[in-house]
C-alpha cells in the first residue's frame, strides 16, 4: 500500500520537475531530480525484493496515475486563476 502513496508523491514531484525545467530553473530542477532518483531507488528495491507480487506494480501505477491527474489539475487551476487575475489587472 505504501507504493500507492509513493506513486502519488513521485508524480507530484515529476510534475514540479517538468515545471522547473520548462522555466529553466537549473538548481531547482537538479534538486528535484535528486529526490526523484531516491524515490525510484526505493520503488525498484521494493519491487525487486518481491518480484512475483504484481499487485505492487498495479498499486504503484495507480498511485502514479492519480498523482499525475492531481498535479495536472492543480497546475491547470493555478494557471486559470493567474490568467483571470491578469485579465482583471490584479
Protein backbone atom coordinates (compact mmCIF):
# COMPACT_ATOMS: atom_id res chain seq x y z
CA UNK A 1 0.00 0.00 0.00
CA UNK A 2 2.96 2.30 0.61
CA UNK A 3 3.88 2.13 -3.09
CA UNK A 4 0.47 3.59 -3.93
CA UNK A 5 1.26 6.73 -1.94
CA UNK A 6 4.85 6.77 -3.20
CA UNK A 7 3.45 6.78 -6.76
CA UNK A 8 1.28 9.79 -5.97
CA UNK A 9 4.18 11.68 -4.40
CA UNK A 10 6.53 10.78 -7.22
CA UNK A 11 4.20 12.11 -9.90
CA UNK A 12 3.68 15.32 -7.94
CA UNK A 13 7.45 15.67 -7.88
CA UNK A 14 7.81 14.82 -11.58
CA UNK A 15 5.20 17.43 -12.47
CA UNK A 16 7.05 20.01 -10.38
CA UNK A 17 10.26 18.94 -12.14
CA UNK A 18 8.64 19.48 -15.53
CA UNK A 19 7.53 22.97 -14.49
CA UNK A 20 11.04 23.75 -13.19
CA UNK A 21 12.73 22.56 -16.37
CA UNK A 22 10.26 24.44 -18.55
CA UNK A 23 11.03 27.62 -16.59
CA UNK A 24 14.79 26.83 -16.87
CA UNK A 25 15.25 26.78 -13.10
CA UNK A 26 18.58 24.98 -13.04
CA UNK A 27 19.15 24.44 -9.31
CA UNK A 28 15.52 23.62 -8.59
CA UNK A 29 15.32 21.04 -11.37
CA UNK A 30 18.57 19.45 -10.17
CA UNK A 31 17.33 19.21 -6.57
CA UNK A 32 14.04 17.71 -7.69
CA UNK A 33 15.92 15.18 -9.83
CA UNK A 34 17.91 14.06 -6.78
CA UNK A 35 14.71 13.46 -4.79
CA UNK A 36 13.12 11.64 -7.71
CA UNK A 37 16.11 9.29 -8.10
CA UNK A 38 15.95 8.44 -4.39
CA UNK A 39 12.26 7.66 -4.73
CA UNK A 40 12.97 5.49 -7.75
CA UNK A 41 15.64 3.60 -5.80
CA UNK A 42 13.06 2.81 -3.12
CA UNK A 43 10.49 1.74 -5.72
CA UNK A 44 12.92 -0.54 -7.56
CA UNK A 45 14.21 -2.09 -4.36
CA UNK A 46 10.69 -2.77 -3.12
CA UNK A 47 9.51 -4.32 -6.38
CA UNK A 48 12.67 -6.40 -6.92
CA UNK A 49 12.51 -7.77 -3.36
CA UNK A 50 9.01 -9.10 -4.09
CA UNK A 51 9.23 -9.51 -7.87
CA UNK A 52 6.41 -12.06 -8.11
CA UNK A 53 3.90 -9.71 -6.45
CA UNK A 54 2.43 -7.96 -9.48
CA UNK A 55 -0.09 -6.16 -7.25
CA UNK A 56 2.77 -3.94 -6.04
CA UNK A 57 3.20 -2.69 -9.59
CA UNK A 58 -0.55 -2.19 -10.01
CA UNK A 59 -0.73 -0.19 -6.75
CA UNK A 60 2.28 1.90 -7.76
CA UNK A 61 0.90 2.54 -11.26
CA UNK A 62 -2.48 3.55 -9.83
CA UNK A 63 -0.80 5.95 -7.44
CA UNK A 64 1.26 7.38 -10.30
CA UNK A 65 -1.87 7.90 -12.39
CA UNK A 66 -3.68 9.67 -9.55
CA UNK A 67 -0.63 11.78 -8.76
CA UNK A 68 -0.31 12.86 -12.39
CA UNK A 69 -4.00 13.72 -12.65
CA UNK A 70 -3.96 15.61 -9.34
CA UNK A 71 -0.87 17.63 -10.19
CA UNK A 72 -2.11 18.41 -13.69
CA UNK A 73 -5.46 19.55 -12.30
CA UNK A 74 -3.71 21.70 -9.67
CA UNK A 75 -1.49 23.45 -12.21
CA UNK A 76 -4.43 23.96 -14.58
CA UNK A 77 -6.44 25.63 -11.82
CA UNK A 78 -3.48 27.75 -10.77
CA UNK A 79 -2.82 28.91 -14.31
CA UNK A 80 -6.51 29.68 -14.86
CA UNK A 81 -6.56 31.79 -11.68
CA UNK A 82 -3.42 33.61 -12.75
CA UNK A 83 -4.88 34.28 -16.20
CA UNK A 84 -8.14 35.59 -14.77
CA UNK A 85 -6.21 37.79 -12.32
CA UNK A 86 -4.07 39.17 -15.12
CA UNK A 87 -7.10 39.93 -17.27
CA UNK A 88 -8.64 41.90 -14.38
CA UNK A 89 -5.43 43.84 -13.89
CA UNK A 90 -4.62 42.45 -10.44
